[in-house]
Amino acid sequence: MKKILTLTALLLLTVSAAMAAGGPENKAKAARETVCFSSNIDCPNCVKKVQSNIAYVKGVKTLDISLKNHTITVGYDPAKTNEETLAGEIRKLGYTAEKQAVKGGK
């Protein structure tokens, strides 16, 4: 009985330590950058084309396309992709991708 209690306590301690070290939620928040590109997108079909391709690029977490402002804002995991790769993927689709300042100072 004493061994069972000891093992249970050890298991609980291990699980608690693992959760305190940073679960998946903390890693997801920490690993995110945002970049905004001005682009020559000018119609709803352009938006659909970009959405259906860029959203599936490895590392892309969020995608916001403004037809009115001609911008493509991408939230991404810097461990999996970077600004140059994202710009290249947009250019492969036939659109311009010039980096812009993101609201909030980035």
PDB file of N, CA and C in Angstrom:
ATOM      1  N   MET A   1       0.833  -1.181   0.000  1.00  0.00           N
ATOM      2  CA  MET A   1       0.000   0.000   0.000  1.00  0.00           C
ATOM      3  C   MET A   1       0.882   1.251   0.000  1.00  0.00           C
ATOM      4  N   LYS A   2       1.977   1.188   0.757  1.00  0.00           N
ATOM      5  CA  LYS A   2       2.878   2.318   0.837  1.00  0.00           C
ATOM      6  C   LYS A   2       3.528   2.585  -0.526  1.00  0.00           C
ATOM      7  N   LYS A   3       3.828   1.532  -1.275  1.00  0.00           N
ATOM      8  CA  LYS A   3       4.425   1.679  -2.607  1.00  0.00           C
ATOM      9  C   LYS A   3       3.448   2.345  -3.571  1.00  0.00           C
ATOM     10  N   ILE A   4       2.179   1.991  -3.491  1.00  0.00           N
ATOM     11  CA  ILE A   4       1.160   2.572  -4.365  1.00  0.00           C
ATOM     12  C   ILE A   4       1.028   4.058  -4.093  1.00  0.00           C
ATOM     13  N   LEU A   5       0.986   4.437  -2.832  1.00  0.00           N
ATOM     14  CA  LEU A   5       0.895   5.856  -2.479  1.00  0.00           C
ATOM     15  C   LEU A   5       2.136   6.618  -2.943  1.00  0.00           C
ATOM     16  N   THR A   6       3.289   6.038  -2.785  1.00  0.00           N
ATOM     17  CA  THR A   6       4.531   6.675  -3.212  1.00  0.00           C
ATOM     18  C   THR A   6       4.550   6.857  -4.730  1.00  0.00           C
ATOM     19  N   LEU A   7       4.159   5.830  -5.459  1.00  0.00           N
ATOM     20  CA  LEU A   7       4.120   5.910  -6.920  1.00  0.00           C
ATOM     21  C   LEU A   7       3.098   6.939  -7.394  1.00  0.00           C
ATOM     22  N   THR A   8       1.949   6.979  -6.745  1.00  0.00           N
ATOM     23  CA  THR A   8       0.922   7.959  -7.106  1.00  0.00           C
ATOM     24  C   THR A   8       1.423   9.376  -6.858  1.00  0.00           C
ATOM     25  N   ALA A   9       2.056   9.605  -5.732  1.00  0.00           N
ATOM     26  CA  ALA A   9       2.600  10.921  -5.415  1.00  0.00           C
ATOM     27  C   ALA A   9       3.679  11.317  -6.417  1.00  0.00           C
ATOM     28  N   LEU A  10       4.518  10.381  -6.780  1.00  0.00           N
ATOM     29  CA  LEU A  10       5.574  10.635  -7.752  1.00  0.00           C
ATOM     30  C   LEU A  10       4.982  10.976  -9.116  1.00  0.00           C
ATOM     31  N   LEU A  11       3.961  10.257  -9.520  1.00  0.00           N
ATOM     32  CA  LEU A  11       3.291  10.512 -10.790  1.00  0.00           C
ATOM     33  C   LEU A  11       2.668  11.909 -10.812  1.00  0.00           C
ATOM     34  N   LEU A  12       1.984  12.269  -9.732  1.00  0.00           N
ATOM     35  CA  LEU A  12       1.375  13.595  -9.639  1.00  0.00           C
ATOM     36  C   LEU A  12       2.426  14.696  -9.678  1.00  0.00           C
ATOM     37  N   LEU A  13       3.530  14.482  -9.009  1.00  0.00           N
ATOM     38  CA  LEU A  13       4.626  15.451  -9.012  1.00  0.00           C
ATOM     39  C   LEU A  13       5.191  15.633 -10.417  1.00  0.00           C
ATOM     40  N   THR A  14       5.382  14.554 -11.126  1.00  0.00           N
ATOM     41  CA  THR A  14       5.921  14.601 -12.485  1.00  0.00           C
ATOM     42  C   THR A  14       4.983  15.353 -13.421  1.00  0.00           C
ATOM     43  N   VAL A  15       3.700  15.051 -13.341  1.00  0.00           N
ATOM     44  CA  VAL A  15       2.710  15.711 -14.190  1.00  0.00           C
ATOM     45  C   VAL A  15       2.646  17.203 -13.856  1.00  0.00           C
ATOM     46  N   SER A  16       2.663  17.545 -12.585  1.00  0.00           N
ATOM     47  CA  SER A  16       2.625  18.953 -12.176  1.00  0.00           C
ATOM     48  C   SER A  16       3.838  19.708 -12.682  1.00  0.00           C
ATOM     49  N   ALA A  17       4.998  19.112 -12.591  1.00  0.00           N
ATOM     50  CA  ALA A  17       6.227  19.755 -13.061  1.00  0.00           C
ATOM     51  C   ALA A  17       6.190  19.962 -14.569  1.00  0.00           C
ATOM     52  N   ALA A  18       5.681  18.995 -15.294  1.00  0.00           N
ATOM     53  CA  ALA A  18       5.598  19.113 -16.754  1.00  0.00           C
ATOM     54  C   ALA A  18       4.645  20.227 -17.157  1.00  0.00           C
ATOM     55  N   MET A  19       3.542  20.355 -16.471  1.00  0.00           N
ATOM     56  CA  MET A  19       2.576  21.404 -16.781  1.00  0.00           C
ATOM     57  C   MET A  19       3.121  22.777 -16.422  1.00  0.00           C
ATOM     58  N   ALA A  20       3.842  22.888 -15.325  1.00  0.00           N
ATOM     59  CA  ALA A  20       4.414  24.167 -14.909  1.00  0.00           C
ATOM     60  C   ALA A  20       5.514  24.630 -15.851  1.00  0.00           C
ATOM     61  N   ALA A  21       6.201  23.695 -16.487  1.00  0.00           N
ATOM     62  CA  ALA A  21       7.297  24.030 -17.395  1.00  0.00           C
ATOM     63  C   ALA A  21       6.798  24.665 -18.674  1.00  0.00           C
ATOM     64  N   GLY A  22       5.545  24.571 -18.972  1.00  0.00           N
ATOM     65  CA  GLY A  22       5.006  25.184 -20.175  1.00  0.00           C
ATOM     66  C   GLY A  22       4.345  24.167 -21.062  1.00  0.00           C
ATOM     67  N   GLY A  23       3.056  24.138 -21.001  1.00  0.00           N
ATOM     68  CA  GLY A  23       2.300  23.216 -21.830  1.00  0.00           C
ATOM     69  C   GLY A  23       2.214  23.731 -23.249  1.00  0.00           C
ATOM     70  N   PRO A  24       1.471  23.037 -24.087  1.00  0.00           N
ATOM     71  CA  PRO A  24       1.332  23.424 -25.484  1.00  0.00           C
ATOM     72  C   PRO A  24       0.777  24.835 -25.667  1.00  0.00           C
ATOM     73  N   GLU A  25      -0.075  25.295 -24.740  1.00  0.00           N
ATOM     74  CA  GLU A  25      -0.649  26.629 -24.860  1.00  0.00           C
ATOM     75  C   GLU A  25       0.435  27.698 -24.792  1.00  0.00           C
ATOM     76  N   ASN A  26       1.373  27.551 -23.874  1.00  0.00           N
ATOM     77  CA  ASN A  26       2.445  28.527 -23.724  1.00  0.00           C
ATOM     78  C   ASN A  26       3.362  28.529 -24.938  1.00  0.00           C
ATOM     79  N   LYS A  27       3.660  27.375 -25.484  1.00  0.00           N
ATOM     80  CA  LYS A  27       4.528  27.291 -26.653  1.00  0.00           C
ATOM     81  C   LYS A  27       3.876  27.943 -27.852  1.00  0.00           C
ATOM     82  N   ALA A  28       2.569  27.749 -28.022  1.00  0.00           N
ATOM     83  CA  ALA A  28       1.873  28.329 -29.164  1.00  0.00           C
ATOM     84  C   ALA A  28       1.881  29.847 -29.108  1.00  0.00           C
ATOM     85  N   LYS A  29       1.719  30.411 -27.914  1.00  0.00           N
ATOM     86  CA  LYS A  29       1.719  31.860 -27.771  1.00  0.00           C
ATOM     87  C   LYS A  29       3.106  32.436 -27.992  1.00  0.00           C
ATOM     88  N   ALA A  30       4.125  31.755 -27.511  1.00  0.00           N
ATOM     89  CA  ALA A  30       5.480  32.265 -27.592  1.00  0.00           C
ATOM     90  C   ALA A  30       6.027  32.224 -29.012  1.00  0.00           C
ATOM     91  N   ALA A  31       5.630  31.254 -29.802  1.00  0.00           N
ATOM     92  CA  ALA A  31       6.196  31.072 -31.130  1.00  0.00           C
ATOM     93  C   ALA A  31       5.291  31.670 -32.198  1.00  0.00           C
ATOM     94  N   ARG A  32       5.187  33.001 -32.218  1.00  0.00           N
ATOM     95  CA  ARG A  32       4.366  33.635 -33.231  1.00  0.00           C
ATOM     96  C   ARG A  32       4.922  35.008 -33.576  1.00  0.00           C
ATOM     97  N   GLU A  33       5.077  35.242 -34.859  1.00  0.00           N
ATOM     98  CA  GLU A  33       5.473  36.536 -35.401  1.00  0.00           C
ATOM     99  C   GLU A  33       4.379  36.957 -36.369  1.00  0.00           C
ATOM    100  N   THR A  34       4.334  38.248 -36.671  1.00  0.00           N
ATOM    101  CA  THR A  34       3.364  38.756 -37.630  1.00  0.00           C
ATOM    102  C   THR A  34       4.071  39.633 -38.641  1.00  0.00           C
ATOM    103  N   VAL A  35       3.704  39.475 -39.898  1.00  0.00           N
ATOM    104  CA  VAL A  35       4.249  40.312 -40.963  1.00  0.00           C
ATOM    105  C   VAL A  35       3.089  40.754 -41.856  1.00  0.00           C
ATOM    106  N   CYS A  36       3.189  41.990 -42.342  1.00  0.00           N
ATOM    107  CA  CYS A  36       2.163  42.538 -43.218  1.00  0.00           C
ATOM    108  C   CYS A  36       2.814  42.914 -44.550  1.00  0.00           C
ATOM    109  N   PHE A  37       2.216  42.451 -45.632  1.00  0.00           N
ATOM    110  CA  PHE A  37       2.710  42.761 -46.971  1.00  0.00           C
ATOM    111  C   PHE A  37       1.682  43.608 -47.708  1.00  0.00           C
ATOM    112  N   SER A  38       2.137  44.644 -48.420  1.00  0.00           N
ATOM    113  CA  SER A  38       1.238  45.311 -49.359  1.00  0.00           C
ATOM    114  C   SER A  38       1.318  44.501 -50.639  1.00  0.00           C
ATOM    115  N   SER A  39       0.192  44.416 -51.333  1.00  0.00           N
ATOM    116  CA  SER A  39       0.133  43.553 -52.499  1.00  0.00           C
ATOM    117  C   SER A  39      -0.773  44.164 -53.560  1.00  0.00           C
ATOM    118  N   ASN A  40      -0.684  43.639 -54.760  1.00  0.00           N
ATOM    119  CA  ASN A  40      -1.522  44.125 -55.847  1.00  0.00           C
ATOM    120  C   ASN A  40      -2.803  43.304 -56.003  1.00  0.00           C
ATOM    121  N   ILE A  41      -3.263  42.685 -54.928  1.00  0.00           N
ATOM    122  CA  ILE A  41      -4.537  41.962 -54.978  1.00  0.00           C
ATOM    123  C   ILE A  41      -5.645  42.982 -55.227  1.00  0.00           C
ATOM    124  N   ASP A  42      -6.559  42.676 -56.146  1.00  0.00           N
ATOM    125  CA  ASP A  42      -7.562  43.678 -56.474  1.00  0.00           C
ATOM    126  C   ASP A  42      -8.964  43.126 -56.742  1.00  0.00           C
ATOM    127  N   CYS A  43      -9.185  41.851 -56.445  1.00  0.00           N
ATOM    128  CA  CYS A  43     -10.522  41.303 -56.659  1.00  0.00           C
ATOM    129  C   CYS A  43     -10.768  40.150 -55.681  1.00  0.00           C
ATOM    130  N   PRO A  44     -12.028  39.788 -55.498  1.00  0.00           N
ATOM    131  CA  PRO A  44     -12.342  38.674 -54.584  1.00  0.00           C
ATOM    132  C   PRO A  44     -11.668  37.359 -54.973  1.00  0.00           C
ATOM    133  N   ASN A  45     -11.468  37.131 -56.269  1.00  0.00           N
ATOM    134  CA  ASN A  45     -10.799  35.896 -56.690  1.00  0.00           C
ATOM    135  C   ASN A  45      -9.332  35.899 -56.274  1.00  0.00           C
ATOM    136  N   CYS A  46      -8.704  37.073 -56.255  1.00  0.00           N
ATOM    137  CA  CYS A  46      -7.325  37.179 -55.767  1.00  0.00           C
ATOM    138  C   CYS A  46      -7.267  36.758 -54.301  1.00  0.00           C
ATOM    139  N   VAL A  47      -8.223  37.242 -53.531  1.00  0.00           N
ATOM    140  CA  VAL A  47      -8.276  36.913 -52.108  1.00  0.00           C
ATOM    141  C   VAL A  47      -8.427  35.405 -51.924  1.00  0.00           C
ATOM    142  N   LYS A  48      -9.338  34.798 -52.674  1.00  0.00           N
ATOM    143  CA  LYS A  48      -9.550  33.355 -52.575  1.00  0.00           C
ATOM    144  C   LYS A  48      -8.291  32.579 -52.948  1.00  0.00           C
ATOM    145  N   LYS A  49      -7.602  33.037 -53.984  1.00  0.00           N
ATOM    146  CA  LYS A  49      -6.393  32.364 -54.436  1.00  0.00           C
ATOM    147  C   LYS A  49      -5.318  32.404 -53.357  1.00  0.00           C
ATOM    148  N   VAL A  50      -5.135  33.569 -52.746  1.00  0.00           N
ATOM    149  CA  VAL A  50      -4.132  33.704 -51.687  1.00  0.00           C
ATOM    150  C   VAL A  50      -4.537  32.873 -50.475  1.00  0.00           C
ATOM    151  N   GLN A  51      -5.800  32.962 -50.070  1.00  0.00           N
ATOM    152  CA  GLN A  51      -6.274  32.193 -48.916  1.00  0.00           C
ATOM    153  C   GLN A  51      -6.077  30.700 -49.117  1.00  0.00           C
ATOM    154  N   SER A  52      -6.411  30.210 -50.289  1.00  0.00           N
ATOM    155  CA  SER A  52      -6.359  28.766 -50.510  1.00  0.00           C
ATOM    156  C   SER A  52      -4.934  28.240 -50.641  1.00  0.00           C
ATOM    157  N   ASN A  53      -3.959  29.122 -50.774  1.00  0.00           N
ATOM    158  CA  ASN A  53      -2.574  28.673 -50.885  1.00  0.00           C
ATOM    159  C   ASN A  53      -1.729  29.037 -49.663  1.00  0.00           C
ATOM    160  N   ILE A  54      -1.762  30.279 -49.237  1.00  0.00           N
ATOM    161  CA  ILE A  54      -0.890  30.734 -48.150  1.00  0.00           C
ATOM    162  C   ILE A  54      -1.313  30.150 -46.805  1.00  0.00           C
ATOM    163  N   ALA A  55      -2.596  29.938 -46.606  1.00  0.00           N
ATOM    164  CA  ALA A  55      -3.069  29.390 -45.328  1.00  0.00           C
ATOM    165  C   ALA A  55      -2.480  28.016 -45.041  1.00  0.00           C
ATOM    166  N   TYR A  56      -2.023  27.314 -46.083  1.00  0.00           N
ATOM    167  CA  TYR A  56      -1.499  25.965 -45.908  1.00  0.00           C
ATOM    168  C   TYR A  56       0.022  25.888 -45.976  1.00  0.00           C
ATOM    169  N   VAL A  57       0.683  27.038 -46.024  1.00  0.00           N
ATOM    170  CA  VAL A  57       2.146  27.047 -45.987  1.00  0.00           C
ATOM    171  C   VAL A  57       2.572  26.639 -44.576  1.00  0.00           C
ATOM    172  N   LYS A  58       3.578  25.782 -44.482  1.00  0.00           N
ATOM    173  CA  LYS A  58       4.051  25.296 -43.187  1.00  0.00           C
ATOM    174  C   LYS A  58       4.413  26.475 -42.281  1.00  0.00           C
ATOM    175  N   GLY A  59       3.864  26.488 -41.074  1.00  0.00           N
ATOM    176  CA  GLY A  59       4.159  27.525 -40.089  1.00  0.00           C
ATOM    177  C   GLY A  59       3.163  28.659 -40.034  1.00  0.00           C
ATOM    178  N   VAL A  60       2.273  28.773 -41.014  1.00  0.00           N
ATOM    179  CA  VAL A  60       1.281  29.852 -41.013  1.00  0.00           C
ATOM    180  C   VAL A  60       0.208  29.541 -39.981  1.00  0.00           C
ATOM    181  N   LYS A  61      -0.037  30.508 -39.088  1.00  0.00           N
ATOM    182  CA  LYS A  61      -1.025  30.333 -38.016  1.00  0.00           C
ATOM    183  C   LYS A  61      -2.287  31.145 -38.282  1.00  0.00           C
ATOM    184  N   THR A  62      -2.120  32.371 -38.781  1.00  0.00           N
ATOM    185  CA  THR A  62      -3.265  33.232 -39.085  1.00  0.00           C
ATOM    186  C   THR A  62      -3.029  33.915 -40.419  1.00  0.00           C
ATOM    187  N   LEU A  63      -4.124  34.287 -41.078  1.00  0.00           N
ATOM    188  CA  LEU A  63      -4.034  34.963 -42.364  1.00  0.00           C
ATOM    189  C   LEU A  63      -5.185  35.942 -42.461  1.00  0.00           C
ATOM    190  N   ASP A  64      -4.858  37.209 -42.714  1.00  0.00           N
ATOM    191  CA  ASP A  64      -5.879  38.245 -42.862  1.00  0.00           C
ATOM    192  C   ASP A  64      -5.575  39.006 -44.145  1.00  0.00           C
ATOM    193  N   ILE A  65      -6.531  39.033 -45.052  1.00  0.00           N
ATOM    194  CA  ILE A  65      -6.339  39.696 -46.334  1.00  0.00           C
ATOM    195  C   ILE A  65      -7.344  40.829 -46.440  1.00  0.00           C
ATOM    196  N   SER A  66      -6.850  42.036 -46.708  1.00  0.00           N
ATOM    197  CA  SER A  66      -7.719  43.196 -46.875  1.00  0.00           C
ATOM    198  C   SER A  66      -7.684  43.629 -48.335  1.00  0.00           C
ATOM    199  N   LEU A  67      -8.786  43.411 -49.017  1.00  0.00           N
ATOM    200  CA  LEU A  67      -8.896  43.824 -50.406  1.00  0.00           C
ATOM    201  C   LEU A  67      -8.919  45.347 -50.488  1.00  0.00           C
ATOM    202  N   LYS A  68      -9.579  45.979 -49.523  1.00  0.00           N
ATOM    203  CA  LYS A  68      -9.683  47.439 -49.491  1.00  0.00           C
ATOM    204  C   LYS A  68      -8.304  48.091 -49.360  1.00  0.00           C
ATOM    205  N   ASN A  69      -7.465  47.555 -48.460  1.00  0.00           N
ATOM    206  CA  ASN A  69      -6.142  48.139 -48.209  1.00  0.00           C
ATOM    207  C   ASN A  69      -5.030  47.492 -49.025  1.00  0.00           C
ATOM    208  N   HIS A  70      -5.368  46.440 -49.768  1.00  0.00           N
ATOM    209  CA  HIS A  70      -4.391  45.686 -50.566  1.00  0.00           C
ATOM    210  C   HIS A  70      -3.256  45.171 -49.683  1.00  0.00           C
ATOM    211  N   THR A  71      -3.637  44.544 -48.559  1.00  0.00           N
ATOM    212  CA  THR A  71      -2.637  44.000 -47.642  1.00  0.00           C
ATOM    213  C   THR A  71      -2.916  42.535 -47.323  1.00  0.00           C
ATOM    214  N   ILE A  72      -1.829  41.834 -47.015  1.00  0.00           N
ATOM    215  CA  ILE A  72      -1.890  40.440 -46.575  1.00  0.00           C
ATOM    216  C   ILE A  72      -1.105  40.374 -45.272  1.00  0.00           C
ATOM    217  N   THR A  73      -1.778  40.069 -44.168  1.00  0.00           N
ATOM    218  CA  THR A  73      -1.135  39.985 -42.870  1.00  0.00           C
ATOM    219  C   THR A  73      -1.090  38.520 -42.455  1.00  0.00           C
ATOM    220  N   VAL A  74       0.116  38.059 -42.118  1.00  0.00           N
ATOM    221  CA  VAL A  74       0.315  36.653 -41.805  1.00  0.00           C
ATOM    222  C   VAL A  74       0.917  36.507 -40.411  1.00  0.00           C
ATOM    223  N   GLY A  75       0.287  35.692 -39.575  1.00  0.00           N
ATOM    224  CA  GLY A  75       0.854  35.294 -38.289  1.00  0.00           C
ATOM    225  C   GLY A  75       1.504  33.936 -38.503  1.00  0.00           C
ATOM    226  N   TYR A  76       2.756  33.795 -38.088  1.00  0.00           N
ATOM    227  CA  TYR A  76       3.475  32.561 -38.384  1.00  0.00           C
ATOM    228  C   TYR A  76       4.404  32.156 -37.253  1.00  0.00           C
ATOM    229  N   ASP A  77       4.803  30.893 -37.285  1.00  0.00           N
ATOM    230  CA  ASP A  77       5.749  30.331 -36.330  1.00  0.00           C
ATOM    231  C   ASP A  77       7.145  30.487 -36.942  1.00  0.00           C
ATOM    232  N   PRO A  78       8.006  31.320 -36.339  1.00  0.00           N
ATOM    233  CA  PRO A  78       9.336  31.561 -36.910  1.00  0.00           C
ATOM    234  C   PRO A  78      10.247  30.332 -36.911  1.00  0.00           C
ATOM    235  N   ALA A  79       9.885  29.304 -36.178  1.00  0.00           N
ATOM    236  CA  ALA A  79      10.673  28.070 -36.203  1.00  0.00           C
ATOM    237  C   ALA A  79      10.377  27.258 -37.465  1.00  0.00           C
ATOM    238  N   LYS A  80       9.269  27.580 -38.140  1.00  0.00           N
ATOM    239  CA  LYS A  80       8.869  26.796 -39.304  1.00  0.00           C
ATOM    240  C   LYS A  80       8.922  27.562 -40.622  1.00  0.00           C
ATOM    241  N   THR A  81       8.881  28.890 -40.581  1.00  0.00           N
ATOM    242  CA  THR A  81       8.946  29.691 -41.802  1.00  0.00           C
ATOM    243  C   THR A  81       9.469  31.077 -41.464  1.00  0.00           C
ATOM    244  N   ASN A  82       9.633  31.925 -42.479  1.00  0.00           N
ATOM    245  CA  ASN A  82      10.118  33.292 -42.245  1.00  0.00           C
ATOM    246  C   ASN A  82       9.487  34.230 -43.262  1.00  0.00           C
ATOM    247  N   GLU A  83       9.751  35.524 -43.101  1.00  0.00           N
ATOM    248  CA  GLU A  83       9.140  36.540 -43.960  1.00  0.00           C
ATOM    249  C   GLU A  83       9.503  36.355 -45.426  1.00  0.00           C
ATOM    250  N   GLU A  84      10.750  36.011 -45.686  1.00  0.00           N
ATOM    251  CA  GLU A  84      11.195  35.847 -47.075  1.00  0.00           C
ATOM    252  C   GLU A  84      10.459  34.692 -47.764  1.00  0.00           C
ATOM    253  N   THR A  85      10.296  33.605 -47.042  1.00  0.00           N
ATOM    254  CA  THR A  85       9.576  32.455 -47.599  1.00  0.00           C
ATOM    255  C   THR A  85       8.125  32.818 -47.882  1.00  0.00           C
ATOM    256  N   LEU A  86       7.489  33.514 -46.936  1.00  0.00           N
ATOM    257  CA  LEU A  86       6.093  33.906 -47.119  1.00  0.00           C
ATOM    258  C   LEU A  86       5.944  34.848 -48.310  1.00  0.00           C
ATOM    259  N   ALA A  87       6.838  35.824 -48.420  1.00  0.00           N
ATOM    260  CA  ALA A  87       6.798  36.754 -49.551  1.00  0.00           C
ATOM    261  C   ALA A  87       6.982  35.992 -50.861  1.00  0.00           C
ATOM    262  N   GLY A  88       7.890  35.030 -50.872  1.00  0.00           N
ATOM    263  CA  GLY A  88       8.124  34.220 -52.060  1.00  0.00           C
ATOM    264  C   GLY A  88       6.899  33.416 -52.466  1.00  0.00           C
ATOM    265  N   GLU A  89       6.188  32.875 -51.474  1.00  0.00           N
ATOM    266  CA  GLU A  89       4.978  32.106 -51.759  1.00  0.00           C
ATOM    267  C   GLU A  89       3.897  33.002 -52.359  1.00  0.00           C
ATOM    268  N   ILE A  90       3.785  34.232 -51.863  1.00  0.00           N
ATOM    269  CA  ILE A  90       2.803  35.181 -52.412  1.00  0.00           C
ATOM    270  C   ILE A  90       3.191  35.538 -53.842  1.00  0.00           C
ATOM    271  N   ARG A  91       4.472  35.774 -54.071  1.00  0.00           N
ATOM    272  CA  ARG A  91       4.950  36.124 -55.422  1.00  0.00           C
ATOM    273  C   ARG A  91       4.740  34.972 -56.413  1.00  0.00           C
ATOM    274  N   LYS A  92       4.887  33.730 -55.932  1.00  0.00           N
ATOM    275  CA  LYS A  92       4.649  32.563 -56.798  1.00  0.00           C
ATOM    276  C   LYS A  92       3.225  32.560 -57.350  1.00  0.00           C
ATOM    277  N   LEU A  93       2.308  33.151 -56.596  1.00  0.00           N
ATOM    278  CA  LEU A  93       0.908  33.214 -57.025  1.00  0.00           C
ATOM    279  C   LEU A  93       0.664  34.343 -58.021  1.00  0.00           C
ATOM    280  N   GLY A  94       1.685  35.177 -58.242  1.00  0.00           N
ATOM    281  CA  GLY A  94       1.561  36.260 -59.216  1.00  0.00           C
ATOM    282  C   GLY A  94       1.268  37.623 -58.621  1.00  0.00           C
ATOM    283  N   TYR A  95       1.448  37.769 -57.318  1.00  0.00           N
ATOM    284  CA  TYR A  95       1.162  39.039 -56.654  1.00  0.00           C
ATOM    285  C   TYR A  95       2.433  39.630 -56.059  1.00  0.00           C
ATOM    286  N   THR A  96       2.424  40.947 -55.848  1.00  0.00           N
ATOM    287  CA  THR A  96       3.551  41.592 -55.184  1.00  0.00           C
ATOM    288  C   THR A  96       3.448  41.331 -53.691  1.00  0.00           C
ATOM    289  N   ALA A  97       4.567  41.455 -52.991  1.00  0.00           N
ATOM    290  CA  ALA A  97       4.598  41.247 -51.533  1.00  0.00           C
ATOM    291  C   ALA A  97       5.694  42.133 -50.956  1.00  0.00           C
ATOM    292  N   GLU A  98       5.333  43.376 -50.666  1.00  0.00           N
ATOM    293  CA  GLU A  98       6.275  44.330 -50.079  1.00  0.00           C
ATOM    294  C   GLU A  98       5.982  44.462 -48.593  1.00  0.00           C
ATOM    295  N   LYS A  99       6.980  44.211 -47.761  1.00  0.00           N
ATOM    296  CA  LYS A  99       6.799  44.235 -46.306  1.00  0.00           C
ATOM    297  C   LYS A  99       6.381  45.625 -45.840  1.00  0.00           C
ATOM    298  N   GLN A 100       5.382  45.661 -44.960  1.00  0.00           N
ATOM    299  CA  GLN A 100       4.886  46.889 -44.364  1.00  0.00           C
ATOM    300  C   GLN A 100       5.010  46.806 -42.855  1.00  0.00           C
ATOM    301  N   ALA A 101       4.964  47.954 -42.198  1.00  0.00           N
ATOM    302  CA  ALA A 101       4.973  47.978 -40.736  1.00  0.00           C
ATOM    303  C   ALA A 101       3.630  47.458 -40.239  1.00  0.00           C
ATOM    304  N   VAL A 102       3.661  46.626 -39.197  1.00  0.00           N
ATOM    305  CA  VAL A 102       2.441  46.099 -38.588  1.00  0.00           C
ATOM    306  C   VAL A 102       2.025  47.037 -37.480  1.00  0.00           C
ATOM    307  N   LYS A 103       0.725  47.317 -37.364  1.00  0.00           N
ATOM    308  CA  LYS A 103       0.239  48.163 -36.279  1.00  0.00           C
ATOM    309  C   LYS A 103       0.696  47.601 -34.940  1.00  0.00           C
ATOM    310  N   GLY A 104       1.149  48.475 -34.073  1.00  0.00           N
ATOM    311  CA  GLY A 104       1.627  48.031 -32.771  1.00  0.00           C
ATOM    312  C   GLY A 104       3.144  48.043 -32.716  1.00  0.00           C
ATOM    313  N   GLY A 105       3.796  48.552 -33.762  1.00  0.00           N
ATOM    314  CA  GLY A 105       5.227  48.752 -33.706  1.00  0.00           C
ATOM    315  C   GLY A 105       6.077  47.680 -34.329  1.00  0.00           C
ATOM    316  N   LYS A 106       5.525  46.584 -34.789  1.00  0.00           N
ATOM    317  CA  LYS A 106       6.349  45.526 -35.397  1.00  0.00           C
ATOM    318  C   LYS A 106       6.493  45.744 -36.871  1.00  0.00           C
TER     319      LYS A 106
END
